[in-house]
Amino acid sequence: MKSATTLQRKRSISVSGHKTSISLEDEFWNCLREIAEERGEKYVSKLVRDINAERQFANLSSAIRMYVLRHYRDLVDQQDRTIAPINGNSIEAW
């Protein structure tokens, strides 16, 4: 069986006026773009700046991965709390 390999892609980005390089897998870059669009932000760098300001991890790439993971886990949690609609109205499970 052939193992799947996901390559990291290094990109340069400006964070709070400072150029930095971030290595992430394409899936994470795509997720960052999606999340930025959901937030109404034109540039991924704004989202990365916010992640950087709040990060609790030593490296920015790890902080971004954790942010993306939490974002999608929160979405799943929100969906799990909603019971199927009755008469077009959703009912909160909690």
N, C-alpha and C. Protein backbone atom coordinates (compact mmCIF):
# COMPACT_ATOMS: atom_id res chain seq x y z
N MET A 1 0.84 -1.17 0.00
CA MET A 1 0.00 0.00 0.00
C MET A 1 0.89 1.24 0.00
N LYS A 2 0.60 2.15 -0.89
CA LYS A 2 1.40 3.36 -1.01
C LYS A 2 0.93 4.40 0.01
N SER A 3 1.87 5.00 0.72
CA SER A 3 1.51 6.00 1.71
C SER A 3 1.32 7.37 1.06
N ALA A 4 0.33 8.09 1.54
CA ALA A 4 0.07 9.43 1.03
C ALA A 4 0.98 10.42 1.72
N THR A 5 1.57 11.31 0.96
CA THR A 5 2.44 12.32 1.52
C THR A 5 1.87 13.69 1.20
N THR A 6 1.73 14.49 2.22
CA THR A 6 1.27 15.86 2.03
C THR A 6 2.46 16.77 2.25
N LEU A 7 2.81 17.49 1.23
CA LEU A 7 3.96 18.38 1.32
C LEU A 7 3.59 19.72 1.90
N GLN A 8 4.50 20.25 2.65
CA GLN A 8 4.32 21.60 3.17
C GLN A 8 4.79 22.58 2.11
N ARG A 9 4.09 23.71 2.05
CA ARG A 9 4.47 24.76 1.13
C ARG A 9 4.83 25.98 1.96
N LYS A 10 6.00 26.52 1.70
CA LYS A 10 6.45 27.72 2.42
C LYS A 10 6.01 28.94 1.63
N ARG A 11 5.37 29.86 2.34
CA ARG A 11 4.95 31.11 1.71
C ARG A 11 5.40 32.27 2.57
N SER A 12 5.71 33.35 1.88
CA SER A 12 6.06 34.59 2.59
C SER A 12 4.79 35.40 2.78
N ILE A 13 4.69 35.98 3.96
CA ILE A 13 3.51 36.76 4.29
C ILE A 13 3.94 37.92 5.19
N SER A 14 3.23 39.00 5.12
CA SER A 14 3.50 40.15 5.97
C SER A 14 2.55 40.11 7.16
N VAL A 15 3.12 40.07 8.35
CA VAL A 15 2.33 40.04 9.58
C VAL A 15 2.71 41.25 10.41
N SER A 16 1.78 42.16 10.54
CA SER A 16 2.00 43.40 11.29
C SER A 16 3.23 44.15 10.80
N GLY A 17 3.39 44.19 9.48
CA GLY A 17 4.48 44.94 8.87
C GLY A 17 5.81 44.21 8.80
N HIS A 18 5.84 42.98 9.28
CA HIS A 18 7.06 42.19 9.25
C HIS A 18 6.89 41.02 8.30
N LYS A 19 7.85 40.84 7.39
CA LYS A 19 7.83 39.70 6.48
C LYS A 19 8.26 38.45 7.24
N THR A 20 7.51 37.37 7.03
CA THR A 20 7.86 36.09 7.63
C THR A 20 7.49 34.99 6.67
N SER A 21 8.10 33.85 6.84
CA SER A 21 7.77 32.67 6.03
C SER A 21 7.03 31.67 6.90
N ILE A 22 5.98 31.09 6.33
CA ILE A 22 5.18 30.12 7.06
C ILE A 22 5.11 28.86 6.21
N SER A 23 5.40 27.72 6.82
CA SER A 23 5.30 26.44 6.14
C SER A 23 4.04 25.73 6.59
N LEU A 24 3.13 25.53 5.64
CA LEU A 24 1.88 24.82 5.91
C LEU A 24 1.53 23.94 4.73
N GLU A 25 0.77 22.90 4.99
CA GLU A 25 0.26 22.07 3.93
C GLU A 25 -0.81 22.86 3.16
N ASP A 26 -0.98 22.52 1.88
CA ASP A 26 -1.95 23.23 1.05
C ASP A 26 -3.35 23.23 1.67
N GLU A 27 -3.73 22.13 2.31
CA GLU A 27 -5.07 22.05 2.93
C GLU A 27 -5.26 23.16 3.97
N PHE A 28 -4.21 23.44 4.73
CA PHE A 28 -4.32 24.49 5.74
C PHE A 28 -4.36 25.87 5.09
N TRP A 29 -3.59 26.08 4.03
CA TRP A 29 -3.67 27.36 3.31
C TRP A 29 -5.09 27.57 2.76
N ASN A 30 -5.66 26.51 2.20
CA ASN A 30 -7.02 26.61 1.66
C ASN A 30 -8.03 26.92 2.76
N CYS A 31 -7.88 26.27 3.90
CA CYS A 31 -8.78 26.52 5.04
C CYS A 31 -8.64 27.96 5.53
N LEU A 32 -7.41 28.45 5.59
CA LEU A 32 -7.20 29.85 6.01
C LEU A 32 -7.94 30.81 5.09
N ARG A 33 -7.85 30.56 3.78
CA ARG A 33 -8.56 31.42 2.82
C ARG A 33 -10.07 31.37 3.05
N GLU A 34 -10.60 30.16 3.26
CA GLU A 34 -12.03 30.00 3.50
C GLU A 34 -12.47 30.73 4.76
N ILE A 35 -11.71 30.59 5.83
CA ILE A 35 -12.05 31.24 7.10
C ILE A 35 -11.98 32.75 6.95
N ALA A 36 -10.95 33.24 6.27
CA ALA A 36 -10.83 34.70 6.05
C ALA A 36 -12.05 35.20 5.28
N GLU A 37 -12.47 34.47 4.25
CA GLU A 37 -13.66 34.88 3.49
C GLU A 37 -14.89 34.88 4.37
N GLU A 38 -15.06 33.84 5.21
CA GLU A 38 -16.20 33.78 6.13
C GLU A 38 -16.23 34.99 7.05
N ARG A 39 -15.05 35.45 7.45
CA ARG A 39 -14.95 36.61 8.34
C ARG A 39 -15.06 37.94 7.60
N GLY A 40 -15.18 37.86 6.27
CA GLY A 40 -15.29 39.07 5.47
C GLY A 40 -13.97 39.79 5.28
N GLU A 41 -12.88 39.06 5.47
CA GLU A 41 -11.57 39.66 5.33
C GLU A 41 -11.03 39.42 3.92
N LYS A 42 -10.46 40.45 3.37
CA LYS A 42 -9.96 40.38 2.00
C LYS A 42 -8.64 39.62 1.91
N TYR A 43 -7.84 39.70 2.96
CA TYR A 43 -6.51 39.13 2.94
C TYR A 43 -6.31 38.11 4.06
N VAL A 44 -5.65 37.02 3.74
CA VAL A 44 -5.30 36.01 4.73
C VAL A 44 -4.35 36.59 5.77
N SER A 45 -3.53 37.54 5.36
CA SER A 45 -2.54 38.11 6.29
C SER A 45 -3.21 38.75 7.51
N LYS A 46 -4.41 39.29 7.36
CA LYS A 46 -5.14 39.88 8.50
C LYS A 46 -5.51 38.78 9.49
N LEU A 47 -5.99 37.66 8.98
CA LEU A 47 -6.33 36.53 9.84
C LEU A 47 -5.08 35.99 10.53
N VAL A 48 -3.99 35.86 9.79
CA VAL A 48 -2.74 35.38 10.37
C VAL A 48 -2.24 36.34 11.45
N ARG A 49 -2.41 37.64 11.22
CA ARG A 49 -2.01 38.62 12.23
C ARG A 49 -2.81 38.41 13.52
N ASP A 50 -4.11 38.17 13.37
CA ASP A 50 -4.94 37.93 14.55
C ASP A 50 -4.53 36.64 15.28
N ILE A 51 -4.26 35.59 14.51
CA ILE A 51 -3.80 34.33 15.10
C ILE A 51 -2.48 34.54 15.83
N ASN A 52 -1.58 35.27 15.21
CA ASN A 52 -0.27 35.54 15.80
C ASN A 52 -0.41 36.30 17.12
N ALA A 53 -1.32 37.26 17.17
CA ALA A 53 -1.50 38.06 18.38
C ALA A 53 -2.03 37.22 19.55
N GLU A 54 -2.79 36.18 19.24
CA GLU A 54 -3.40 35.35 20.28
C GLU A 54 -2.68 34.04 20.53
N ARG A 55 -1.61 33.78 19.79
CA ARG A 55 -1.02 32.44 19.83
C ARG A 55 -0.41 32.09 21.18
N GLN A 56 -0.52 30.81 21.49
CA GLN A 56 0.04 30.25 22.72
C GLN A 56 1.10 29.20 22.40
N PHE A 57 1.48 29.11 21.13
CA PHE A 57 2.44 28.12 20.69
C PHE A 57 3.71 28.83 20.25
N ALA A 58 4.82 28.14 20.35
CA ALA A 58 6.11 28.74 20.02
C ALA A 58 6.23 29.11 18.55
N ASN A 59 5.61 28.32 17.67
CA ASN A 59 5.78 28.66 16.27
C ASN A 59 4.44 28.96 15.60
N LEU A 60 4.48 29.90 14.68
CA LEU A 60 3.27 30.40 14.04
C LEU A 60 2.57 29.34 13.21
N SER A 61 3.31 28.49 12.55
CA SER A 61 2.69 27.42 11.75
C SER A 61 1.82 26.51 12.63
N SER A 62 2.31 26.16 13.80
CA SER A 62 1.54 25.34 14.73
C SER A 62 0.30 26.08 15.21
N ALA A 63 0.46 27.36 15.50
CA ALA A 63 -0.67 28.16 15.95
C ALA A 63 -1.76 28.23 14.88
N ILE A 64 -1.36 28.33 13.64
CA ILE A 64 -2.33 28.38 12.54
C ILE A 64 -3.05 27.04 12.42
N ARG A 65 -2.31 25.94 12.48
CA ARG A 65 -2.95 24.63 12.40
C ARG A 65 -3.96 24.44 13.53
N MET A 66 -3.59 24.84 14.74
CA MET A 66 -4.51 24.71 15.87
C MET A 66 -5.73 25.61 15.71
N TYR A 67 -5.54 26.80 15.18
CA TYR A 67 -6.66 27.71 14.95
C TYR A 67 -7.65 27.09 13.95
N VAL A 68 -7.12 26.56 12.86
CA VAL A 68 -7.98 25.93 11.84
C VAL A 68 -8.73 24.74 12.45
N LEU A 69 -8.03 23.91 13.20
CA LEU A 69 -8.66 22.76 13.85
C LEU A 69 -9.79 23.21 14.77
N ARG A 70 -9.52 24.20 15.62
CA ARG A 70 -10.55 24.70 16.54
C ARG A 70 -11.73 25.28 15.78
N HIS A 71 -11.46 26.01 14.70
CA HIS A 71 -12.53 26.63 13.90
C HIS A 71 -13.50 25.56 13.41
N TYR A 72 -12.97 24.50 12.82
CA TYR A 72 -13.84 23.46 12.26
C TYR A 72 -14.46 22.59 13.34
N ARG A 73 -13.76 22.38 14.45
CA ARG A 73 -14.37 21.65 15.56
C ARG A 73 -15.56 22.43 16.13
N ASP A 74 -15.40 23.75 16.23
CA ASP A 74 -16.50 24.58 16.72
C ASP A 74 -17.72 24.48 15.79
N LEU A 75 -17.48 24.45 14.49
CA LEU A 75 -18.58 24.30 13.53
C LEU A 75 -19.31 22.97 13.73
N VAL A 76 -18.53 21.90 13.92
CA VAL A 76 -19.13 20.59 14.15
C VAL A 76 -19.92 20.59 15.45
N ASP A 77 -19.36 21.19 16.51
CA ASP A 77 -20.06 21.27 17.79
C ASP A 77 -21.38 22.02 17.65
N GLN A 78 -21.38 23.10 16.88
CA GLN A 78 -22.61 23.86 16.66
C GLN A 78 -23.65 23.02 15.94
N GLN A 79 -23.22 22.24 14.96
CA GLN A 79 -24.15 21.39 14.22
C GLN A 79 -24.69 20.28 15.10
N ASP A 80 -23.85 19.73 15.99
CA ASP A 80 -24.28 18.66 16.88
C ASP A 80 -25.31 19.13 17.89
N ARG A 81 -25.35 20.40 18.19
CA ARG A 81 -26.28 20.94 19.18
C ARG A 81 -27.66 21.23 18.60
N THR A 82 -27.78 21.14 17.31
CA THR A 82 -29.06 21.45 16.67
C THR A 82 -29.75 20.16 16.27
N ILE A 83 -30.99 20.01 16.72
CA ILE A 83 -31.80 18.85 16.34
C ILE A 83 -32.49 19.18 15.03
N ALA A 84 -32.83 18.15 14.28
CA ALA A 84 -33.49 18.33 12.99
C ALA A 84 -34.67 19.29 13.12
N PRO A 85 -34.85 20.16 12.11
CA PRO A 85 -35.93 21.15 12.15
C PRO A 85 -37.32 20.52 12.25
N ILE A 86 -38.16 21.14 13.04
CA ILE A 86 -39.56 20.77 13.13
C ILE A 86 -40.36 21.97 12.67
N ASN A 87 -41.17 21.80 11.65
CA ASN A 87 -41.94 22.90 11.08
C ASN A 87 -41.06 24.05 10.66
N GLY A 88 -39.85 23.76 10.17
CA GLY A 88 -38.97 24.80 9.67
C GLY A 88 -38.17 25.52 10.74
N ASN A 89 -38.37 25.16 12.01
CA ASN A 89 -37.64 25.80 13.11
C ASN A 89 -36.69 24.80 13.73
N SER A 90 -35.44 25.18 13.89
CA SER A 90 -34.50 24.27 14.54
C SER A 90 -34.65 24.41 16.06
N ILE A 91 -34.40 23.33 16.74
CA ILE A 91 -34.50 23.31 18.20
C ILE A 91 -33.13 23.03 18.77
N GLU A 92 -32.71 23.83 19.73
CA GLU A 92 -31.42 23.62 20.37
C GLU A 92 -31.50 22.40 21.27
N ALA A 93 -30.50 21.55 21.19
CA ALA A 93 -30.46 20.33 22.00
C ALA A 93 -30.07 20.62 23.45
N TRP A 94 -29.44 21.71 23.71
CA TRP A 94 -28.96 21.99 25.06
C TRP A 94 -29.83 23.00 25.73
